[in-house]
Amino acid sequence: MNLRDLRYLVALADHRHFGRAAAACFVSQPTLSTQIKKLEEELDVTLVERAPRRVMLTPAGRDIAERARRILSDVEQLHEIARRTRDPEAGTVRLGLFPTLGPYLLPHAVPRIRKRFPRLELLLVEEKTETILRQLREGRLDAGILALPLHDDQLHVEPLFEEPFLLAVPETHPFARRESLSLKDLANESLLLLEDGHCLRDQALDVCHLSGAEEKTGFRATSLETLRQMVAANVGITLLPTLAIKPPVPQSENIHLLPFRDSRPSRQIAMVWRKSSAMGEFLVKLAEVFRTLPAELFSIDLPPARARRPRGSDRRARTGAH
């Protein structure tokens, strides 16, 4: 048994296909198949159920593949310790971010990271929260930037910042006559929300529960940008995180943004990584770059409300983001 064979088994567990697993390992399919067979003979157990059109791991195969994944992760940690010893601020960091944060945070953070750690190779992965957590546990990611709370005793949590929410409404909506609103003003309103799996959906539902609002039925968006377009098209109203309306995000017409006067809804953002990670000391330094982003990125500084204009005015104010 060797590490190469364990990598073959893990690749097969991931891809459930001999050809794709072989391609991922840069070997031929017969080579991978032969090595998996040898591993089965050495362990004296069947790891794979072979069928003409599909591959499934046996219960023993799944257990052994997960153990193999942890072994390979431990070996990578050994290499990482050696790399960090030679040059603490070099090497590779695989960082996961969720879709309603990554595109809006990274333009502000990446130039600062490059300046602070010029020898660092930063590999960015955009996935939903549950996928990031799974890949962290499996060792496929080194760290993630996620919204709190998280319930995993195996992860170190380094708080970064608080990001307020704003209400986005069409310029023809009655709320567009206001400069701000109270959370209770959302009572009996229907909000456009994202589909299941997005943490922003859960955060928006929390706001709905607190305010007495409801989800608008019959539509769930696949992205934050789709929500924005639905508001601009006068389909409904929604919550937007502050970074999603900040430059370099272009401004758009037909959307009016409202901050909350009281019970300011927001989300807490943190960087997380495995407590067992050999990169912990360096990741604290990397987290500090995100923590020291300019405060104005998370402040709500909007132009005066357009609401005092006649409702039918042809003028268009540019307060939203597209």
Protein backbone atom coordinates (compact mmCIF):
# COMPACT_ATOMS: atom_id res chain seq x y z
CA MET A 1 0.00 0.00 0.00
CA ASN A 2 1.23 3.49 -0.84
CA LEU A 3 -0.06 7.03 -1.00
CA ARG A 4 -0.53 6.83 -4.74
CA ASP A 5 -3.04 3.98 -4.38
CA LEU A 6 -4.91 5.89 -1.69
CA ARG A 7 -5.16 8.87 -4.04
CA TYR A 8 -6.60 6.60 -6.72
CA LEU A 9 -9.25 5.34 -4.29
CA VAL A 10 -10.18 8.84 -3.16
CA ALA A 11 -10.45 9.99 -6.78
CA LEU A 12 -12.73 7.06 -7.54
CA ALA A 13 -14.86 7.93 -4.51
CA ASP A 14 -15.14 11.50 -5.78
CA HIS A 15 -15.84 10.81 -9.45
CA ARG A 16 -17.63 7.42 -9.28
CA HIS A 17 -16.21 6.67 -12.71
CA PHE A 18 -12.93 4.92 -13.56
CA GLY A 19 -12.24 7.06 -16.60
CA ARG A 20 -12.83 10.40 -14.89
CA ALA A 21 -10.92 9.29 -11.78
CA ALA A 22 -7.98 8.21 -13.95
CA ALA A 23 -8.01 11.54 -15.77
CA ALA A 24 -8.01 13.40 -12.46
CA CYS A 25 -4.96 11.37 -11.38
CA PHE A 26 -3.21 11.79 -14.78
CA VAL A 27 -2.98 8.04 -15.37
CA SER A 28 -4.64 5.65 -17.76
CA GLN A 29 -7.87 3.95 -16.81
CA PRO A 30 -6.29 0.44 -16.87
CA THR A 31 -3.53 1.66 -14.52
CA LEU A 32 -6.00 3.03 -12.00
CA SER A 33 -8.23 -0.04 -12.23
CA THR A 34 -5.27 -2.37 -11.70
CA GLN A 35 -4.05 -0.47 -8.64
CA ILE A 36 -7.52 -0.44 -7.09
CA LYS A 37 -7.70 -4.19 -7.62
CA LYS A 38 -4.29 -4.65 -5.94
CA LEU A 39 -5.45 -2.53 -3.02
CA GLU A 40 -8.50 -4.77 -2.64
CA GLU A 41 -6.27 -7.86 -2.66
CA GLU A 42 -3.94 -6.38 -0.06
CA LEU A 43 -6.80 -5.41 2.24
CA ASP A 44 -8.71 -8.61 1.43
CA VAL A 45 -11.96 -6.71 1.00
CA THR A 46 -14.08 -5.54 -1.93
CA LEU A 47 -13.90 -1.76 -2.21
CA VAL A 48 -15.83 -1.16 -5.42
CA GLU A 49 -19.02 -2.53 -6.97
CA ARG A 50 -18.31 -2.64 -10.68
CA ALA A 51 -21.26 -2.27 -13.07
CA PRO A 52 -21.27 -1.56 -16.83
CA ARG A 53 -22.35 2.08 -16.52
CA ARG A 54 -21.63 3.05 -12.95
CA VAL A 55 -19.25 2.59 -10.06
CA MET A 56 -20.30 2.42 -6.43
CA LEU A 57 -18.14 1.96 -3.38
CA THR A 58 -19.07 -0.79 -0.96
CA PRO A 59 -19.69 0.20 2.67
CA ALA A 60 -16.12 -0.88 3.45
CA GLY A 61 -14.91 1.05 0.40
CA ARG A 62 -16.62 4.25 1.59
CA ASP A 63 -15.14 3.92 5.08
CA ILE A 64 -11.65 3.20 3.77
CA ALA A 65 -11.85 6.02 1.22
CA GLU A 66 -12.73 8.50 3.98
CA ARG A 67 -9.85 7.25 6.11
CA ALA A 68 -7.57 7.49 3.06
CA ARG A 69 -8.73 11.08 2.55
CA ARG A 70 -7.72 11.95 6.11
CA ILE A 71 -4.35 10.24 5.68
CA LEU A 72 -3.65 12.22 2.51
CA SER A 73 -4.70 15.42 4.26
CA ASP A 74 -2.29 14.65 7.13
CA VAL A 75 0.52 14.06 4.64
CA GLU A 76 -0.26 17.41 2.99
CA GLN A 77 -0.10 19.01 6.43
CA LEU A 78 3.42 17.60 6.86
CA HIS A 79 4.47 19.19 3.59
CA GLU A 80 2.77 22.44 4.61
CA ILE A 81 4.65 22.55 7.90
CA ALA A 82 7.92 22.19 5.98
CA ARG A 83 6.96 24.88 3.45
CA ARG A 84 5.87 27.33 6.14
CA THR A 85 9.07 26.71 8.06
CA ARG A 86 11.14 27.63 5.02
CA ASP A 87 8.99 30.64 4.08
CA PRO A 88 6.05 31.39 6.39
CA GLU A 89 4.32 33.76 3.97
CA ALA A 90 4.63 31.69 0.78
CA GLY A 91 2.94 28.56 -0.47
CA THR A 92 -0.70 27.99 -1.45
CA VAL A 93 -3.92 28.72 0.40
CA ARG A 94 -7.20 27.26 -0.86
CA LEU A 95 -9.93 29.61 0.35
CA GLY A 96 -13.67 29.03 0.02
CA LEU A 97 -16.29 31.80 -0.11
CA PHE A 98 -20.06 31.64 -0.59
CA PRO A 99 -21.65 33.21 -3.70
CA THR A 100 -23.45 36.15 -2.07
CA LEU A 101 -20.19 37.38 -0.55
CA GLY A 102 -17.22 36.38 -2.71
CA PRO A 103 -17.80 38.55 -5.83
CA TYR A 104 -18.36 41.66 -3.70
CA LEU A 105 -15.64 41.14 -1.08
CA LEU A 106 -12.76 39.95 -3.23
CA PRO A 107 -12.25 43.13 -5.33
CA HIS A 108 -11.48 44.95 -2.09
CA ALA A 109 -9.49 42.19 -0.38
CA VAL A 110 -7.38 40.58 -3.10
CA PRO A 111 -5.20 43.65 -3.90
CA ARG A 112 -4.44 44.01 -0.19
CA ILE A 113 -3.58 40.33 0.10
CA ARG A 114 -1.24 40.55 -2.89
CA LYS A 115 0.49 43.54 -1.37
CA ARG A 116 0.80 41.97 2.08
CA PHE A 117 1.79 38.47 0.88
CA PRO A 118 3.39 38.85 -2.57
CA ARG A 119 4.67 35.24 -2.62
CA LEU A 120 1.34 33.68 -1.67
CA GLU A 121 -0.66 31.67 -4.19
CA LEU A 122 -4.31 32.21 -3.29
CA LEU A 123 -6.72 29.71 -4.84
CA LEU A 124 -10.33 30.89 -4.52
CA VAL A 125 -13.29 28.51 -4.54
CA GLU A 126 -16.88 29.76 -4.66
CA GLU A 127 -19.40 27.29 -3.25
CA LYS A 128 -22.43 27.24 -1.00
CA THR A 129 -21.78 27.09 2.72
CA GLU A 130 -22.45 23.37 3.21
CA THR A 131 -20.06 22.47 0.39
CA ILE A 132 -17.33 24.68 1.86
CA LEU A 133 -17.77 23.07 5.27
CA ARG A 134 -17.57 19.59 3.77
CA GLN A 135 -14.45 20.42 1.78
CA LEU A 136 -12.85 21.91 4.88
CA ARG A 137 -13.47 18.69 6.80
CA GLU A 138 -12.11 16.63 3.91
CA GLY A 139 -8.96 18.76 3.60
CA ARG A 140 -9.81 20.05 0.11
CA LEU A 141 -9.89 23.62 1.41
CA ASP A 142 -7.52 25.28 3.86
CA ALA A 143 -9.97 27.93 5.06
CA GLY A 144 -13.37 29.39 4.38
CA ILE A 145 -15.03 32.76 4.80
CA LEU A 146 -18.55 32.08 6.04
CA ALA A 147 -21.46 33.65 7.87
CA LEU A 148 -21.98 32.88 11.55
CA PRO A 149 -23.22 31.01 13.45
CA LEU A 150 -21.44 27.77 12.67
CA HIS A 151 -21.75 24.65 14.77
CA ASP A 152 -18.59 22.60 14.35
CA ASP A 153 -16.23 22.04 17.25
CA GLN A 154 -13.45 21.02 14.86
CA LEU A 155 -13.20 24.49 13.32
CA HIS A 156 -11.39 27.57 14.56
CA VAL A 157 -13.49 30.71 14.05
CA GLU A 158 -11.83 34.10 13.48
CA PRO A 159 -14.46 36.91 13.32
CA LEU A 160 -13.86 39.43 10.52
CA PHE A 161 -16.64 42.00 10.18
CA GLU A 162 -20.37 42.71 10.41
CA GLU A 163 -22.21 43.41 7.15
CA PRO A 164 -25.56 45.26 7.41
CA PHE A 165 -28.52 44.58 5.12
CA LEU A 166 -30.52 47.15 3.20
CA LEU A 167 -33.99 46.84 1.71
CA ALA A 168 -34.08 47.15 -2.07
CA VAL A 169 -37.41 48.27 -3.56
CA PRO A 170 -38.54 49.39 -7.03
CA GLU A 171 -38.69 53.15 -7.39
CA THR A 172 -42.48 52.91 -7.79
CA HIS A 173 -42.91 51.17 -4.42
CA PRO A 174 -44.47 53.21 -1.55
CA PHE A 175 -41.28 52.65 0.46
CA ALA A 176 -39.33 54.54 -2.22
CA ARG A 177 -40.70 57.78 -0.70
CA ARG A 178 -38.75 57.12 2.48
CA GLU A 179 -35.15 57.67 3.51
CA SER A 180 -35.16 54.77 6.02
CA LEU A 181 -37.55 52.36 7.66
CA SER A 182 -38.08 50.31 10.78
CA LEU A 183 -37.97 46.54 10.82
CA LYS A 184 -41.62 46.45 11.86
CA ASP A 185 -42.51 48.31 8.64
CA LEU A 186 -41.91 45.03 6.80
CA ALA A 187 -44.90 43.41 8.52
CA ASN A 188 -47.22 41.88 5.89
CA GLU A 189 -44.70 42.53 3.10
CA SER A 190 -43.54 39.74 0.77
CA LEU A 191 -39.79 39.47 0.10
CA LEU A 192 -38.05 37.88 -2.86
CA LEU A 193 -35.58 35.29 -1.58
CA LEU A 194 -32.86 32.99 -2.90
CA GLU A 195 -33.33 29.26 -3.41
CA ASP A 196 -32.51 26.70 -0.72
CA GLY A 197 -28.84 26.20 0.10
CA HIS A 198 -27.87 29.88 0.17
CA CYS A 199 -27.06 31.18 3.63
CA LEU A 200 -28.47 34.58 2.60
CA ARG A 201 -31.85 32.89 2.26
CA ASP A 202 -31.67 31.74 5.89
CA GLN A 203 -30.59 35.21 7.01
CA ALA A 204 -33.45 36.84 5.09
CA LEU A 205 -35.92 34.36 6.59
CA ASP A 206 -34.70 35.37 10.05
CA VAL A 207 -35.51 38.98 9.18
CA CYS A 208 -38.95 37.89 7.93
CA HIS A 209 -39.65 36.11 11.19
CA LEU A 210 -38.57 39.12 13.25
CA SER A 211 -40.54 41.63 11.22
CA GLY A 212 -43.66 39.68 10.31
CA ALA A 213 -42.83 39.64 6.60
CA GLU A 214 -43.29 36.62 4.36
CA GLU A 215 -41.54 35.06 1.39
CA LYS A 216 -43.00 35.92 -2.00
CA THR A 217 -44.35 32.65 -3.34
CA GLY A 218 -43.81 31.27 -6.81
CA PHE A 219 -40.22 32.47 -7.27
CA ARG A 220 -36.82 31.71 -5.77
CA ALA A 221 -33.73 33.27 -7.28
CA THR A 222 -30.56 31.35 -8.10
CA SER A 223 -28.28 34.33 -7.45
CA LEU A 224 -28.12 37.73 -5.81
CA GLU A 225 -27.95 39.37 -9.23
CA THR A 226 -31.23 37.70 -10.22
CA LEU A 227 -32.85 39.14 -7.09
CA ARG A 228 -31.55 42.56 -8.04
CA GLN A 229 -33.02 42.29 -11.53
CA MET A 230 -36.39 41.20 -10.15
CA VAL A 231 -36.51 44.31 -7.98
CA ALA A 232 -35.52 46.53 -10.92
CA ALA A 233 -38.31 44.89 -12.95
CA ASN A 234 -40.85 45.83 -10.27
CA VAL A 235 -41.51 42.20 -9.31
CA GLY A 236 -40.94 42.69 -5.59
CA ILE A 237 -38.59 43.78 -2.80
CA THR A 238 -35.60 42.06 -1.22
CA LEU A 239 -32.68 42.41 1.18
CA LEU A 240 -29.21 43.20 -0.15
CA PRO A 241 -25.95 42.98 1.82
CA THR A 242 -24.01 46.24 1.97
CA LEU A 243 -21.00 45.05 -0.04
CA ALA A 244 -23.32 44.21 -2.94
CA ILE A 245 -24.11 47.91 -3.49
CA LYS A 246 -20.57 49.24 -3.12
CA PRO A 247 -18.20 50.10 -5.99
CA PRO A 248 -16.81 48.53 -8.11
CA VAL A 249 -20.34 47.09 -8.46
CA PRO A 250 -21.94 49.33 -11.12
CA GLN A 251 -24.97 51.34 -10.11
CA SER A 252 -28.34 50.59 -11.68
CA GLU A 253 -31.55 52.45 -12.28
CA ASN A 254 -35.00 51.70 -10.90
CA ILE A 255 -33.87 50.49 -7.46
CA HIS A 256 -34.23 52.44 -4.23
CA LEU A 257 -32.22 51.34 -1.17
CA LEU A 258 -33.35 51.82 2.40
CA PRO A 259 -31.33 51.40 5.59
CA PHE A 260 -33.00 50.27 8.80
CA ARG A 261 -33.31 52.73 11.67
CA ASP A 262 -33.60 50.17 14.44
CA SER A 263 -32.80 46.48 15.01
CA ARG A 264 -30.35 46.79 12.15
CA PRO A 265 -30.33 43.39 10.40
CA SER A 266 -26.86 42.20 9.45
CA ARG A 267 -24.69 39.13 9.08
CA GLN A 268 -21.50 38.30 10.95
CA ILE A 269 -18.67 37.12 8.69
CA ALA A 270 -15.73 35.01 9.90
CA MET A 271 -12.79 33.06 8.53
CA VAL A 272 -12.73 29.45 9.67
CA TRP A 273 -10.25 26.60 9.40
CA ARG A 274 -9.55 23.23 10.98
CA LYS A 275 -8.15 23.49 14.48
CA SER A 276 -5.65 20.80 13.48
CA SER A 277 -4.36 22.81 10.51
CA ALA A 278 -0.62 23.39 10.30
CA MET A 279 -1.41 26.75 8.69
CA GLY A 280 -3.20 28.22 11.69
CA GLU A 281 -0.55 30.80 12.57
CA PHE A 282 -0.42 32.08 9.00
CA LEU A 283 -4.22 32.06 8.56
CA VAL A 284 -4.54 34.41 11.54
CA LYS A 285 -2.34 36.87 9.61
CA LEU A 286 -4.44 36.39 6.46
CA ALA A 287 -7.65 36.96 8.42
CA GLU A 288 -6.22 40.24 9.67
CA VAL A 289 -6.14 41.55 6.08
CA PHE A 290 -9.89 41.02 5.80
CA ARG A 291 -10.50 42.38 9.29
CA THR A 292 -8.78 45.68 8.50
CA LEU A 293 -10.73 46.50 5.34
CA PRO A 294 -11.94 50.14 5.31
CA ALA A 295 -14.91 50.72 7.60
CA GLU A 296 -16.76 52.63 4.86
CA LEU A 297 -17.23 49.36 2.96
CA PHE A 298 -19.67 48.29 5.66
CA SER A 299 -21.29 51.66 6.32
CA ILE A 300 -24.59 52.71 4.79
CA ASP A 301 -24.07 56.07 3.14
CA LEU A 302 -26.89 56.67 0.66
CA PRO A 303 -27.91 59.78 -1.28
CA PRO A 304 -31.09 61.59 -0.18
CA ALA A 305 -34.32 59.72 -0.84
CA ARG A 306 -35.97 60.25 -4.21
CA ALA A 307 -39.34 59.69 -2.59
CA ARG A 308 -40.18 63.39 -2.48
CA ARG A 309 -40.27 63.58 -6.28
CA PRO A 310 -43.64 63.06 -7.97
CA ARG A 311 -44.17 59.38 -8.40
CA GLY A 312 -44.54 59.61 -12.14
CA SER A 313 -41.35 61.56 -12.64
CA ASP A 314 -39.27 60.51 -15.62
CA ARG A 315 -36.06 61.22 -13.76
CA ARG A 316 -34.03 58.24 -12.70
CA ALA A 317 -31.76 58.17 -9.67
CA ARG A 318 -28.88 55.82 -9.52
CA THR A 319 -28.83 54.36 -6.05
CA GLY A 320 -28.82 50.63 -6.58
CA ALA A 321 -26.25 48.19 -7.89
CA HIS A 322 -26.55 46.09 -11.02
